[in-house]
PDBML (XML) file of the C-alpha atoms, coordinates in Angstrom:
<?xml version="1.0" encoding="UTF-8" ?>
<PDBx:datablock datablockName="MODEL"
   xmlns:PDBx="http://pdbml.pdb.org/schema/pdbx-v50.xsd"
   xmlns:xsi="http://www.w3.org/2001/XMLSchema-instance"
   xsi:schemaLocation="http://pdbml.pdb.org/schema/pdbx-v50.xsd pdbx-v50.xsd">
   <PDBx:atom_siteCategory>
      <PDBx:atom_site id="1">
         <PDBx:B_iso_or_equiv>0.00</PDBx:B_iso_or_equiv>
         <PDBx:Cartn_x>156.519</PDBx:Cartn_x>
         <PDBx:Cartn_y>54.237</PDBx:Cartn_y>
         <PDBx:Cartn_z>8.334</PDBx:Cartn_z>
         <PDBx:auth_asym_id>A</PDBx:auth_asym_id>
         <PDBx:auth_atom_id>CA</PDBx:auth_atom_id>
         <PDBx:auth_comp_id>ARG</PDBx:auth_comp_id>
         <PDBx:auth_seq_id>1</PDBx:auth_seq_id>
         <PDBx:group_PDB>ATOM</PDBx:group_PDB>
         <PDBx:label_alt_id xsi:nil="true" />
         <PDBx:label_asym_id>A</PDBx:label_asym_id>
         <PDBx:label_atom_id>CA</PDBx:label_atom_id>
         <PDBx:label_comp_id>ARG</PDBx:label_comp_id>
         <PDBx:label_entity_id>1</PDBx:label_entity_id>
         <PDBx:label_seq_id>1</PDBx:label_seq_id>
         <PDBx:occupancy>1.00</PDBx:occupancy>
         <PDBx:pdbx_PDB_model_num>1</PDBx:pdbx_PDB_model_num>
         <PDBx:type_symbol>C</PDBx:type_symbol>
      </PDBx:atom_site>
      <PDBx:atom_site id="2">
         <PDBx:B_iso_or_equiv>0.00</PDBx:B_iso_or_equiv>
         <PDBx:Cartn_x>158.289</PDBx:Cartn_x>
         <PDBx:Cartn_y>51.398</PDBx:Cartn_y>
         <PDBx:Cartn_z>10.131</PDBx:Cartn_z>
         <PDBx:auth_asym_id>A</PDBx:auth_asym_id>
         <PDBx:auth_atom_id>CA</PDBx:auth_atom_id>
         <PDBx:auth_comp_id>GLU</PDBx:auth_comp_id>
         <PDBx:auth_seq_id>2</PDBx:auth_seq_id>
         <PDBx:group_PDB>ATOM</PDBx:group_PDB>
         <PDBx:label_alt_id xsi:nil="true" />
         <PDBx:label_asym_id>A</PDBx:label_asym_id>
         <PDBx:label_atom_id>CA</PDBx:label_atom_id>
         <PDBx:label_comp_id>GLU</PDBx:label_comp_id>
         <PDBx:label_entity_id>1</PDBx:label_entity_id>
         <PDBx:label_seq_id>2</PDBx:label_seq_id>
         <PDBx:occupancy>1.00</PDBx:occupancy>
         <PDBx:pdbx_PDB_model_num>1</PDBx:pdbx_PDB_model_num>
         <PDBx:type_symbol>C</PDBx:type_symbol>
      </PDBx:atom_site>
      <PDBx:atom_site id="3">
         <PDBx:B_iso_or_equiv>0.00</PDBx:B_iso_or_equiv>
         <PDBx:Cartn_x>159.529</PDBx:Cartn_x>
         <PDBx:Cartn_y>47.940</PDBx:Cartn_y>
         <PDBx:Cartn_z>9.251</PDBx:Cartn_z>
         <PDBx:auth_asym_id>A</PDBx:auth_asym_id>
         <PDBx:auth_atom_id>CA</PDBx:auth_atom_id>
         <PDBx:auth_comp_id>LEU</PDBx:auth_comp_id>
         <PDBx:auth_seq_id>3</PDBx:auth_seq_id>
         <PDBx:group_PDB>ATOM</PDBx:group_PDB>
         <PDBx:label_alt_id xsi:nil="true" />
         <PDBx:label_asym_id>A</PDBx:label_asym_id>
         <PDBx:label_atom_id>CA</PDBx:label_atom_id>
         <PDBx:label_comp_id>LEU</PDBx:label_comp_id>
         <PDBx:label_entity_id>1</PDBx:label_entity_id>
         <PDBx:label_seq_id>3</PDBx:label_seq_id>
         <PDBx:occupancy>1.00</PDBx:occupancy>
         <PDBx:pdbx_PDB_model_num>1</PDBx:pdbx_PDB_model_num>
         <PDBx:type_symbol>C</PDBx:type_symbol>
      </PDBx:atom_site>
      <PDBx:atom_site id="4">
         <PDBx:B_iso_or_equiv>0.00</PDBx:B_iso_or_equiv>
         <PDBx:Cartn_x>157.479</PDBx:Cartn_x>
         <PDBx:Cartn_y>45.067</PDBx:Cartn_y>
         <PDBx:Cartn_z>10.687</PDBx:Cartn_z>
         <PDBx:auth_asym_id>A</PDBx:auth_asym_id>
         <PDBx:auth_atom_id>CA</PDBx:auth_atom_id>
         <PDBx:auth_comp_id>VAL</PDBx:auth_comp_id>
         <PDBx:auth_seq_id>4</PDBx:auth_seq_id>
         <PDBx:group_PDB>ATOM</PDBx:group_PDB>
         <PDBx:label_alt_id xsi:nil="true" />
         <PDBx:label_asym_id>A</PDBx:label_asym_id>
         <PDBx:label_atom_id>CA</PDBx:label_atom_id>
         <PDBx:label_comp_id>VAL</PDBx:label_comp_id>
         <PDBx:label_entity_id>1</PDBx:label_entity_id>
         <PDBx:label_seq_id>4</PDBx:label_seq_id>
         <PDBx:occupancy>1.00</PDBx:occupancy>
         <PDBx:pdbx_PDB_model_num>1</PDBx:pdbx_PDB_model_num>
         <PDBx:type_symbol>C</PDBx:type_symbol>
      </PDBx:atom_site>
      <PDBx:atom_site id="5">
         <PDBx:B_iso_or_equiv>0.00</PDBx:B_iso_or_equiv>
         <PDBx:Cartn_x>159.507</PDBx:Cartn_x>
         <PDBx:Cartn_y>42.217</PDBx:Cartn_y>
         <PDBx:Cartn_z>9.199</PDBx:Cartn_z>
         <PDBx:auth_asym_id>A</PDBx:auth_asym_id>
         <PDBx:auth_atom_id>CA</PDBx:auth_atom_id>
         <PDBx:auth_comp_id>GLY</PDBx:auth_comp_id>
         <PDBx:auth_seq_id>5</PDBx:auth_seq_id>
         <PDBx:group_PDB>ATOM</PDBx:group_PDB>
         <PDBx:label_alt_id xsi:nil="true" />
         <PDBx:label_asym_id>A</PDBx:label_asym_id>
         <PDBx:label_atom_id>CA</PDBx:label_atom_id>
         <PDBx:label_comp_id>GLY</PDBx:label_comp_id>
         <PDBx:label_entity_id>1</PDBx:label_entity_id>
         <PDBx:label_seq_id>5</PDBx:label_seq_id>
         <PDBx:occupancy>1.00</PDBx:occupancy>
         <PDBx:pdbx_PDB_model_num>1</PDBx:pdbx_PDB_model_num>
         <PDBx:type_symbol>C</PDBx:type_symbol>
      </PDBx:atom_site>
      <PDBx:atom_site id="6">
         <PDBx:B_iso_or_equiv>0.00</PDBx:B_iso_or_equiv>
         <PDBx:Cartn_x>161.005</PDBx:Cartn_x>
         <PDBx:Cartn_y>40.716</PDBx:Cartn_y>
         <PDBx:Cartn_z>6.068</PDBx:Cartn_z>
         <PDBx:auth_asym_id>A</PDBx:auth_asym_id>
         <PDBx:auth_atom_id>CA</PDBx:auth_atom_id>
         <PDBx:auth_comp_id>ALA</PDBx:auth_comp_id>
         <PDBx:auth_seq_id>6</PDBx:auth_seq_id>
         <PDBx:group_PDB>ATOM</PDBx:group_PDB>
         <PDBx:label_alt_id xsi:nil="true" />
         <PDBx:label_asym_id>A</PDBx:label_asym_id>
         <PDBx:label_atom_id>CA</PDBx:label_atom_id>
         <PDBx:label_comp_id>ALA</PDBx:label_comp_id>
         <PDBx:label_entity_id>1</PDBx:label_entity_id>
         <PDBx:label_seq_id>6</PDBx:label_seq_id>
         <PDBx:occupancy>1.00</PDBx:occupancy>
         <PDBx:pdbx_PDB_model_num>1</PDBx:pdbx_PDB_model_num>
         <PDBx:type_symbol>C</PDBx:type_symbol>
      </PDBx:atom_site>
      <PDBx:atom_site id="7">
         <PDBx:B_iso_or_equiv>0.00</PDBx:B_iso_or_equiv>
         <PDBx:Cartn_x>161.429</PDBx:Cartn_x>
         <PDBx:Cartn_y>37.331</PDBx:Cartn_y>
         <PDBx:Cartn_z>4.410</PDBx:Cartn_z>
         <PDBx:auth_asym_id>A</PDBx:auth_asym_id>
         <PDBx:auth_atom_id>CA</PDBx:auth_atom_id>
         <PDBx:auth_comp_id>ILE</PDBx:auth_comp_id>
         <PDBx:auth_seq_id>7</PDBx:auth_seq_id>
         <PDBx:group_PDB>ATOM</PDBx:group_PDB>
         <PDBx:label_alt_id xsi:nil="true" />
         <PDBx:label_asym_id>A</PDBx:label_asym_id>
         <PDBx:label_atom_id>CA</PDBx:label_atom_id>
         <PDBx:label_comp_id>ILE</PDBx:label_comp_id>
         <PDBx:label_entity_id>1</PDBx:label_entity_id>
         <PDBx:label_seq_id>7</PDBx:label_seq_id>
         <PDBx:occupancy>1.00</PDBx:occupancy>
         <PDBx:pdbx_PDB_model_num>1</PDBx:pdbx_PDB_model_num>
         <PDBx:type_symbol>C</PDBx:type_symbol>
      </PDBx:atom_site>
      <PDBx:atom_site id="8">
         <PDBx:B_iso_or_equiv>0.00</PDBx:B_iso_or_equiv>
         <PDBx:Cartn_x>164.189</PDBx:Cartn_x>
         <PDBx:Cartn_y>36.314</PDBx:Cartn_y>
         <PDBx:Cartn_z>2.019</PDBx:Cartn_z>
         <PDBx:auth_asym_id>A</PDBx:auth_asym_id>
         <PDBx:auth_atom_id>CA</PDBx:auth_atom_id>
         <PDBx:auth_comp_id>SER</PDBx:auth_comp_id>
         <PDBx:auth_seq_id>8</PDBx:auth_seq_id>
         <PDBx:group_PDB>ATOM</PDBx:group_PDB>
         <PDBx:label_alt_id xsi:nil="true" />
         <PDBx:label_asym_id>A</PDBx:label_asym_id>
         <PDBx:label_atom_id>CA</PDBx:label_atom_id>
         <PDBx:label_comp_id>SER</PDBx:label_comp_id>
         <PDBx:label_entity_id>1</PDBx:label_entity_id>
         <PDBx:label_seq_id>8</PDBx:label_seq_id>
         <PDBx:occupancy>1.00</PDBx:occupancy>
         <PDBx:pdbx_PDB_model_num>1</PDBx:pdbx_PDB_model_num>
         <PDBx:type_symbol>C</PDBx:type_symbol>
      </PDBx:atom_site>
      <PDBx:atom_site id="9">
         <PDBx:B_iso_or_equiv>0.00</PDBx:B_iso_or_equiv>
         <PDBx:Cartn_x>163.996</PDBx:Cartn_x>
         <PDBx:Cartn_y>34.172</PDBx:Cartn_y>
         <PDBx:Cartn_z>-1.116</PDBx:Cartn_z>
         <PDBx:auth_asym_id>A</PDBx:auth_asym_id>
         <PDBx:auth_atom_id>CA</PDBx:auth_atom_id>
         <PDBx:auth_comp_id>THR</PDBx:auth_comp_id>
         <PDBx:auth_seq_id>9</PDBx:auth_seq_id>
         <PDBx:group_PDB>ATOM</PDBx:group_PDB>
         <PDBx:label_alt_id xsi:nil="true" />
         <PDBx:label_asym_id>A</PDBx:label_asym_id>
         <PDBx:label_atom_id>CA</PDBx:label_atom_id>
         <PDBx:label_comp_id>THR</PDBx:label_comp_id>
         <PDBx:label_entity_id>1</PDBx:label_entity_id>
         <PDBx:label_seq_id>9</PDBx:label_seq_id>
         <PDBx:occupancy>1.00</PDBx:occupancy>
         <PDBx:pdbx_PDB_model_num>1</PDBx:pdbx_PDB_model_num>
         <PDBx:type_symbol>C</PDBx:type_symbol>
      </PDBx:atom_site>
      <PDBx:atom_site id="10">
         <PDBx:B_iso_or_equiv>0.00</PDBx:B_iso_or_equiv>
         <PDBx:Cartn_x>165.113</PDBx:Cartn_x>
         <PDBx:Cartn_y>31.198</PDBx:Cartn_y>
         <PDBx:Cartn_z>0.998</PDBx:Cartn_z>
         <PDBx:auth_asym_id>A</PDBx:auth_asym_id>
         <PDBx:auth_atom_id>CA</PDBx:auth_atom_id>
         <PDBx:auth_comp_id>SER</PDBx:auth_comp_id>
         <PDBx:auth_seq_id>10</PDBx:auth_seq_id>
         <PDBx:group_PDB>ATOM</PDBx:group_PDB>
         <PDBx:label_alt_id xsi:nil="true" />
         <PDBx:label_asym_id>A</PDBx:label_asym_id>
         <PDBx:label_atom_id>CA</PDBx:label_atom_id>
         <PDBx:label_comp_id>SER</PDBx:label_comp_id>
         <PDBx:label_entity_id>1</PDBx:label_entity_id>
         <PDBx:label_seq_id>10</PDBx:label_seq_id>
         <PDBx:occupancy>1.00</PDBx:occupancy>
         <PDBx:pdbx_PDB_model_num>1</PDBx:pdbx_PDB_model_num>
         <PDBx:type_symbol>C</PDBx:type_symbol>
      </PDBx:atom_site>
      <PDBx:atom_site id="11">
         <PDBx:B_iso_or_equiv>0.00</PDBx:B_iso_or_equiv>
         <PDBx:Cartn_x>162.396</PDBx:Cartn_x>
         <PDBx:Cartn_y>31.766</PDBx:Cartn_y>
         <PDBx:Cartn_z>3.619</PDBx:Cartn_z>
         <PDBx:auth_asym_id>A</PDBx:auth_asym_id>
         <PDBx:auth_atom_id>CA</PDBx:auth_atom_id>
         <PDBx:auth_comp_id>GLY</PDBx:auth_comp_id>
         <PDBx:auth_seq_id>11</PDBx:auth_seq_id>
         <PDBx:group_PDB>ATOM</PDBx:group_PDB>
         <PDBx:label_alt_id xsi:nil="true" />
         <PDBx:label_asym_id>A</PDBx:label_asym_id>
         <PDBx:label_atom_id>CA</PDBx:label_atom_id>
         <PDBx:label_comp_id>GLY</PDBx:label_comp_id>
         <PDBx:label_entity_id>1</PDBx:label_entity_id>
         <PDBx:label_seq_id>11</PDBx:label_seq_id>
         <PDBx:occupancy>1.00</PDBx:occupancy>
         <PDBx:pdbx_PDB_model_num>1</PDBx:pdbx_PDB_model_num>
         <PDBx:type_symbol>C</PDBx:type_symbol>
      </PDBx:atom_site>
      <PDBx:atom_site id="12">
         <PDBx:B_iso_or_equiv>0.00</PDBx:B_iso_or_equiv>
         <PDBx:Cartn_x>164.644</PDBx:Cartn_x>
         <PDBx:Cartn_y>33.247</PDBx:Cartn_y>
         <PDBx:Cartn_z>6.303</PDBx:Cartn_z>
         <PDBx:auth_asym_id>A</PDBx:auth_asym_id>
         <PDBx:auth_atom_id>CA</PDBx:auth_atom_id>
         <PDBx:auth_comp_id>ALA</PDBx:auth_comp_id>
         <PDBx:auth_seq_id>12</PDBx:auth_seq_id>
         <PDBx:group_PDB>ATOM</PDBx:group_PDB>
         <PDBx:label_alt_id xsi:nil="true" />
         <PDBx:label_asym_id>A</PDBx:label_asym_id>
         <PDBx:label_atom_id>CA</PDBx:label_atom_id>
         <PDBx:label_comp_id>ALA</PDBx:label_comp_id>
         <PDBx:label_entity_id>1</PDBx:label_entity_id>
         <PDBx:label_seq_id>12</PDBx:label_seq_id>
         <PDBx:occupancy>1.00</PDBx:occupancy>
         <PDBx:pdbx_PDB_model_num>1</PDBx:pdbx_PDB_model_num>
         <PDBx:type_symbol>C</PDBx:type_symbol>
      </PDBx:atom_site>
      <PDBx:atom_site id="13">
         <PDBx:B_iso_or_equiv>0.00</PDBx:B_iso_or_equiv>
         <PDBx:Cartn_x>162.852</PDBx:Cartn_x>
         <PDBx:Cartn_y>35.947</PDBx:Cartn_y>
         <PDBx:Cartn_z>8.334</PDBx:Cartn_z>
         <PDBx:auth_asym_id>A</PDBx:auth_asym_id>
         <PDBx:auth_atom_id>CA</PDBx:auth_atom_id>
         <PDBx:auth_comp_id>THR</PDBx:auth_comp_id>
         <PDBx:auth_seq_id>13</PDBx:auth_seq_id>
         <PDBx:group_PDB>ATOM</PDBx:group_PDB>
         <PDBx:label_alt_id xsi:nil="true" />
         <PDBx:label_asym_id>A</PDBx:label_asym_id>
         <PDBx:label_atom_id>CA</PDBx:label_atom_id>
         <PDBx:label_comp_id>THR</PDBx:label_comp_id>
         <PDBx:label_entity_id>1</PDBx:label_entity_id>
         <PDBx:label_seq_id>13</PDBx:label_seq_id>
         <PDBx:occupancy>1.00</PDBx:occupancy>
         <PDBx:pdbx_PDB_model_num>1</PDBx:pdbx_PDB_model_num>
         <PDBx:type_symbol>C</PDBx:type_symbol>
      </PDBx:atom_site>
      <PDBx:atom_site id="14">
         <PDBx:B_iso_or_equiv>0.00</PDBx:B_iso_or_equiv>
         <PDBx:Cartn_x>163.581</PDBx:Cartn_x>
         <PDBx:Cartn_y>38.833</PDBx:Cartn_y>
         <PDBx:Cartn_z>10.651</PDBx:Cartn_z>
         <PDBx:auth_asym_id>A</PDBx:auth_asym_id>
         <PDBx:auth_atom_id>CA</PDBx:auth_atom_id>
         <PDBx:auth_comp_id>ASN</PDBx:auth_comp_id>
         <PDBx:auth_seq_id>14</PDBx:auth_seq_id>
         <PDBx:group_PDB>ATOM</PDBx:group_PDB>
         <PDBx:label_alt_id xsi:nil="true" />
         <PDBx:label_asym_id>A</PDBx:label_asym_id>
         <PDBx:label_atom_id>CA</PDBx:label_atom_id>
         <PDBx:label_comp_id>ASN</PDBx:label_comp_id>
         <PDBx:label_entity_id>1</PDBx:label_entity_id>
         <PDBx:label_seq_id>14</PDBx:label_seq_id>
         <PDBx:occupancy>1.00</PDBx:occupancy>
         <PDBx:pdbx_PDB_model_num>1</PDBx:pdbx_PDB_model_num>
         <PDBx:type_symbol>C</PDBx:type_symbol>
      </PDBx:atom_site>
      <PDBx:atom_site id="15">
         <PDBx:B_iso_or_equiv>0.00</PDBx:B_iso_or_equiv>
         <PDBx:Cartn_x>161.045</PDBx:Cartn_x>
         <PDBx:Cartn_y>40.870</PDBx:Cartn_y>
         <PDBx:Cartn_z>12.648</PDBx:Cartn_z>
         <PDBx:auth_asym_id>A</PDBx:auth_asym_id>
         <PDBx:auth_atom_id>CA</PDBx:auth_atom_id>
         <PDBx:auth_comp_id>ASN</PDBx:auth_comp_id>
         <PDBx:auth_seq_id>15</PDBx:auth_seq_id>
         <PDBx:group_PDB>ATOM</PDBx:group_PDB>
         <PDBx:label_alt_id xsi:nil="true" />
         <PDBx:label_asym_id>A</PDBx:label_asym_id>
         <PDBx:label_atom_id>CA</PDBx:label_atom_id>
         <PDBx:label_comp_id>ASN</PDBx:label_comp_id>
         <PDBx:label_entity_id>1</PDBx:label_entity_id>
         <PDBx:label_seq_id>15</PDBx:label_seq_id>
         <PDBx:occupancy>1.00</PDBx:occupancy>
         <PDBx:pdbx_PDB_model_num>1</PDBx:pdbx_PDB_model_num>
         <PDBx:type_symbol>C</PDBx:type_symbol>
      </PDBx:atom_site>
      <PDBx:atom_site id="16">
         <PDBx:B_iso_or_equiv>0.00</PDBx:B_iso_or_equiv>
         <PDBx:Cartn_x>161.097</PDBx:Cartn_x>
         <PDBx:Cartn_y>44.164</PDBx:Cartn_y>
         <PDBx:Cartn_z>14.499</PDBx:Cartn_z>
         <PDBx:auth_asym_id>A</PDBx:auth_asym_id>
         <PDBx:auth_atom_id>CA</PDBx:auth_atom_id>
         <PDBx:auth_comp_id>ALA</PDBx:auth_comp_id>
         <PDBx:auth_seq_id>16</PDBx:auth_seq_id>
         <PDBx:group_PDB>ATOM</PDBx:group_PDB>
         <PDBx:label_alt_id xsi:nil="true" />
         <PDBx:label_asym_id>A</PDBx:label_asym_id>
         <PDBx:label_atom_id>CA</PDBx:label_atom_id>
         <PDBx:label_comp_id>ALA</PDBx:label_comp_id>
         <PDBx:label_entity_id>1</PDBx:label_entity_id>
         <PDBx:label_seq_id>16</PDBx:label_seq_id>
         <PDBx:occupancy>1.00</PDBx:occupancy>
         <PDBx:pdbx_PDB_model_num>1</PDBx:pdbx_PDB_model_num>
         <PDBx:type_symbol>C</PDBx:type_symbol>
      </PDBx:atom_site>
      <PDBx:atom_site id="17">
         <PDBx:B_iso_or_equiv>0.00</PDBx:B_iso_or_equiv>
         <PDBx:Cartn_x>161.583</PDBx:Cartn_x>
         <PDBx:Cartn_y>43.859</PDBx:Cartn_y>
         <PDBx:Cartn_z>18.269</PDBx:Cartn_z>
         <PDBx:auth_asym_id>A</PDBx:auth_asym_id>
         <PDBx:auth_atom_id>CA</PDBx:auth_atom_id>
         <PDBx:auth_comp_id>ASP</PDBx:auth_comp_id>
         <PDBx:auth_seq_id>17</PDBx:auth_seq_id>
         <PDBx:group_PDB>ATOM</PDBx:group_PDB>
         <PDBx:label_alt_id xsi:nil="true" />
         <PDBx:label_asym_id>A</PDBx:label_asym_id>
         <PDBx:label_atom_id>CA</PDBx:label_atom_id>
         <PDBx:label_comp_id>ASP</PDBx:label_comp_id>
         <PDBx:label_entity_id>1</PDBx:label_entity_id>
         <PDBx:label_seq_id>17</PDBx:label_seq_id>
         <PDBx:occupancy>1.00</PDBx:occupancy>
         <PDBx:pdbx_PDB_model_num>1</PDBx:pdbx_PDB_model_num>
         <PDBx:type_symbol>C</PDBx:type_symbol>
      </PDBx:atom_site>
      <PDBx:atom_site id="18">
         <PDBx:B_iso_or_equiv>0.00</PDBx:B_iso_or_equiv>
         <PDBx:Cartn_x>158.109</PDBx:Cartn_x>
         <PDBx:Cartn_y>45.233</PDBx:Cartn_y>
         <PDBx:Cartn_z>19.019</PDBx:Cartn_z>
         <PDBx:auth_asym_id>A</PDBx:auth_asym_id>
         <PDBx:auth_atom_id>CA</PDBx:auth_atom_id>
         <PDBx:auth_comp_id>CYS</PDBx:auth_comp_id>
         <PDBx:auth_seq_id>18</PDBx:auth_seq_id>
         <PDBx:group_PDB>ATOM</PDBx:group_PDB>
         <PDBx:label_alt_id xsi:nil="true" />
         <PDBx:label_asym_id>A</PDBx:label_asym_id>
         <PDBx:label_atom_id>CA</PDBx:label_atom_id>
         <PDBx:label_comp_id>CYS</PDBx:label_comp_id>
         <PDBx:label_entity_id>1</PDBx:label_entity_id>
         <PDBx:label_seq_id>18</PDBx:label_seq_id>
         <PDBx:occupancy>1.00</PDBx:occupancy>
         <PDBx:pdbx_PDB_model_num>1</PDBx:pdbx_PDB_model_num>
         <PDBx:type_symbol>C</PDBx:type_symbol>
      </PDBx:atom_site>
      <PDBx:atom_site id="19">
         <PDBx:B_iso_or_equiv>0.00</PDBx:B_iso_or_equiv>
         <PDBx:Cartn_x>156.404</PDBx:Cartn_x>
         <PDBx:Cartn_y>42.319</PDBx:Cartn_y>
         <PDBx:Cartn_z>17.214</PDBx:Cartn_z>
         <PDBx:auth_asym_id>A</PDBx:auth_asym_id>
         <PDBx:auth_atom_id>CA</PDBx:auth_atom_id>
         <PDBx:auth_comp_id>VAL</PDBx:auth_comp_id>
         <PDBx:auth_seq_id>19</PDBx:auth_seq_id>
         <PDBx:group_PDB>ATOM</PDBx:group_PDB>
         <PDBx:label_alt_id xsi:nil="true" />
         <PDBx:label_asym_id>A</PDBx:label_asym_id>
         <PDBx:label_atom_id>CA</PDBx:label_atom_id>
         <PDBx:label_comp_id>VAL</PDBx:label_comp_id>
         <PDBx:label_entity_id>1</PDBx:label_entity_id>
         <PDBx:label_seq_id>19</PDBx:label_seq_id>
         <PDBx:occupancy>1.00</PDBx:occupancy>
         <PDBx:pdbx_PDB_model_num>1</PDBx:pdbx_PDB_model_num>
         <PDBx:type_symbol>C</PDBx:type_symbol>
      </PDBx:atom_site>
      <PDBx:atom_site id="20">
         <PDBx:B_iso_or_equiv>0.00</PDBx:B_iso_or_equiv>
         <PDBx:Cartn_x>158.815</PDBx:Cartn_x>
         <PDBx:Cartn_y>39.437</PDBx:Cartn_y>
         <PDBx:Cartn_z>17.895</PDBx:Cartn_z>
         <PDBx:auth_asym_id>A</PDBx:auth_asym_id>
         <PDBx:auth_atom_id>CA</PDBx:auth_atom_id>
         <PDBx:auth_comp_id>LYS</PDBx:auth_comp_id>
         <PDBx:auth_seq_id>20</PDBx:auth_seq_id>
         <PDBx:group_PDB>ATOM</PDBx:group_PDB>
         <PDBx:label_alt_id xsi:nil="true" />
         <PDBx:label_asym_id>A</PDBx:label_asym_id>
         <PDBx:label_atom_id>CA</PDBx:label_atom_id>
         <PDBx:label_comp_id>LYS</PDBx:label_comp_id>
         <PDBx:label_entity_id>1</PDBx:label_entity_id>
         <PDBx:label_seq_id>20</PDBx:label_seq_id>
         <PDBx:occupancy>1.00</PDBx:occupancy>
         <PDBx:pdbx_PDB_model_num>1</PDBx:pdbx_PDB_model_num>
         <PDBx:type_symbol>C</PDBx:type_symbol>
      </PDBx:atom_site>
      <PDBx:atom_site id="21">
         <PDBx:B_iso_or_equiv>0.00</PDBx:B_iso_or_equiv>
         <PDBx:Cartn_x>156.981</PDBx:Cartn_x>
         <PDBx:Cartn_y>36.461</PDBx:Cartn_y>
         <PDBx:Cartn_z>19.350</PDBx:Cartn_z>
         <PDBx:auth_asym_id>A</PDBx:auth_asym_id>
         <PDBx:auth_atom_id>CA</PDBx:auth_atom_id>
         <PDBx:auth_comp_id>GLY</PDBx:auth_comp_id>
         <PDBx:auth_seq_id>21</PDBx:auth_seq_id>
         <PDBx:group_PDB>ATOM</PDBx:group_PDB>
         <PDBx:label_alt_id xsi:nil="true" />
         <PDBx:label_asym_id>A</PDBx:label_asym_id>
         <PDBx:label_atom_id>CA</PDBx:label_atom_id>
         <PDBx:label_comp_id>GLY</PDBx:label_comp_id>
         <PDBx:label_entity_id>1</PDBx:label_entity_id>
         <PDBx:label_seq_id>21</PDBx:label_seq_id>
         <PDBx:occupancy>1.00</PDBx:occupancy>
         <PDBx:pdbx_PDB_model_num>1</PDBx:pdbx_PDB_model_num>
         <PDBx:type_symbol>C</PDBx:type_symbol>
      </PDBx:atom_site>
      <PDBx:atom_site id="22">
         <PDBx:B_iso_or_equiv>0.00</PDBx:B_iso_or_equiv>
         <PDBx:Cartn_x>153.623</PDBx:Cartn_x>
         <PDBx:Cartn_y>37.756</PDBx:Cartn_y>
         <PDBx:Cartn_z>18.074</PDBx:Cartn_z>
         <PDBx:auth_asym_id>A</PDBx:auth_asym_id>
         <PDBx:auth_atom_id>CA</PDBx:auth_atom_id>
         <PDBx:auth_comp_id>ARG</PDBx:auth_comp_id>
         <PDBx:auth_seq_id>22</PDBx:auth_seq_id>
         <PDBx:group_PDB>ATOM</PDBx:group_PDB>
         <PDBx:label_alt_id xsi:nil="true" />
         <PDBx:label_asym_id>A</PDBx:label_asym_id>
         <PDBx:label_atom_id>CA</PDBx:label_atom_id>
         <PDBx:label_comp_id>ARG</PDBx:label_comp_id>
         <PDBx:label_entity_id>1</PDBx:label_entity_id>
         <PDBx:label_seq_id>22</PDBx:label_seq_id>
         <PDBx:occupancy>1.00</PDBx:occupancy>
         <PDBx:pdbx_PDB_model_num>1</PDBx:pdbx_PDB_model_num>
         <PDBx:type_symbol>C</PDBx:type_symbol>
      </PDBx:atom_site>
      <PDBx:atom_site id="23">
         <PDBx:B_iso_or_equiv>0.00</PDBx:B_iso_or_equiv>
         <PDBx:Cartn_x>153.930</PDBx:Cartn_x>
         <PDBx:Cartn_y>38.180</PDBx:Cartn_y>
         <PDBx:Cartn_z>14.269</PDBx:Cartn_z>
         <PDBx:auth_asym_id>A</PDBx:auth_asym_id>
         <PDBx:auth_atom_id>CA</PDBx:auth_atom_id>
         <PDBx:auth_comp_id>PHE</PDBx:auth_comp_id>
         <PDBx:auth_seq_id>23</PDBx:auth_seq_id>
         <PDBx:group_PDB>ATOM</PDBx:group_PDB>
         <PDBx:label_alt_id xsi:nil="true" />
         <PDBx:label_asym_id>A</PDBx:label_asym_id>
         <PDBx:label_atom_id>CA</PDBx:label_atom_id>
         <PDBx:label_comp_id>PHE</PDBx:label_comp_id>
         <PDBx:label_entity_id>1</PDBx:label_entity_id>
         <PDBx:label_seq_id>23</PDBx:label_seq_id>
         <PDBx:occupancy>1.00</PDBx:occupancy>
         <PDBx:pdbx_PDB_model_num>1</PDBx:pdbx_PDB_model_num>
         <PDBx:type_symbol>C</PDBx:type_symbol>
      </PDBx:atom_site>
      <PDBx:atom_site id="24">
         <PDBx:B_iso_or_equiv>0.00</PDBx:B_iso_or_equiv>
         <PDBx:Cartn_x>155.068</PDBx:Cartn_x>
         <PDBx:Cartn_y>35.634</PDBx:Cartn_y>
         <PDBx:Cartn_z>11.665</PDBx:Cartn_z>
         <PDBx:auth_asym_id>A</PDBx:auth_asym_id>
         <PDBx:auth_atom_id>CA</PDBx:auth_atom_id>
         <PDBx:auth_comp_id>THR</PDBx:auth_comp_id>
         <PDBx:auth_seq_id>24</PDBx:auth_seq_id>
         <PDBx:group_PDB>ATOM</PDBx:group_PDB>
         <PDBx:label_alt_id xsi:nil="true" />
         <PDBx:label_asym_id>A</PDBx:label_asym_id>
         <PDBx:label_atom_id>CA</PDBx:label_atom_id>
         <PDBx:label_comp_id>THR</PDBx:label_comp_id>
         <PDBx:label_entity_id>1</PDBx:label_entity_id>
         <PDBx:label_seq_id>24</PDBx:label_seq_id>
         <PDBx:occupancy>1.00</PDBx:occupancy>
         <PDBx:pdbx_PDB_model_num>1</PDBx:pdbx_PDB_model_num>
         <PDBx:type_symbol>C</PDBx:type_symbol>
      </PDBx:atom_site>
   </PDBx:atom_siteCategory>
</PDBx:datablock>
């Protein structure tokens, strides 16, 4: 199982490199 991305309580996000630019 792998991380796709996460979002904080403030709305800040980070995504895995393999989906950056494609997933939100």
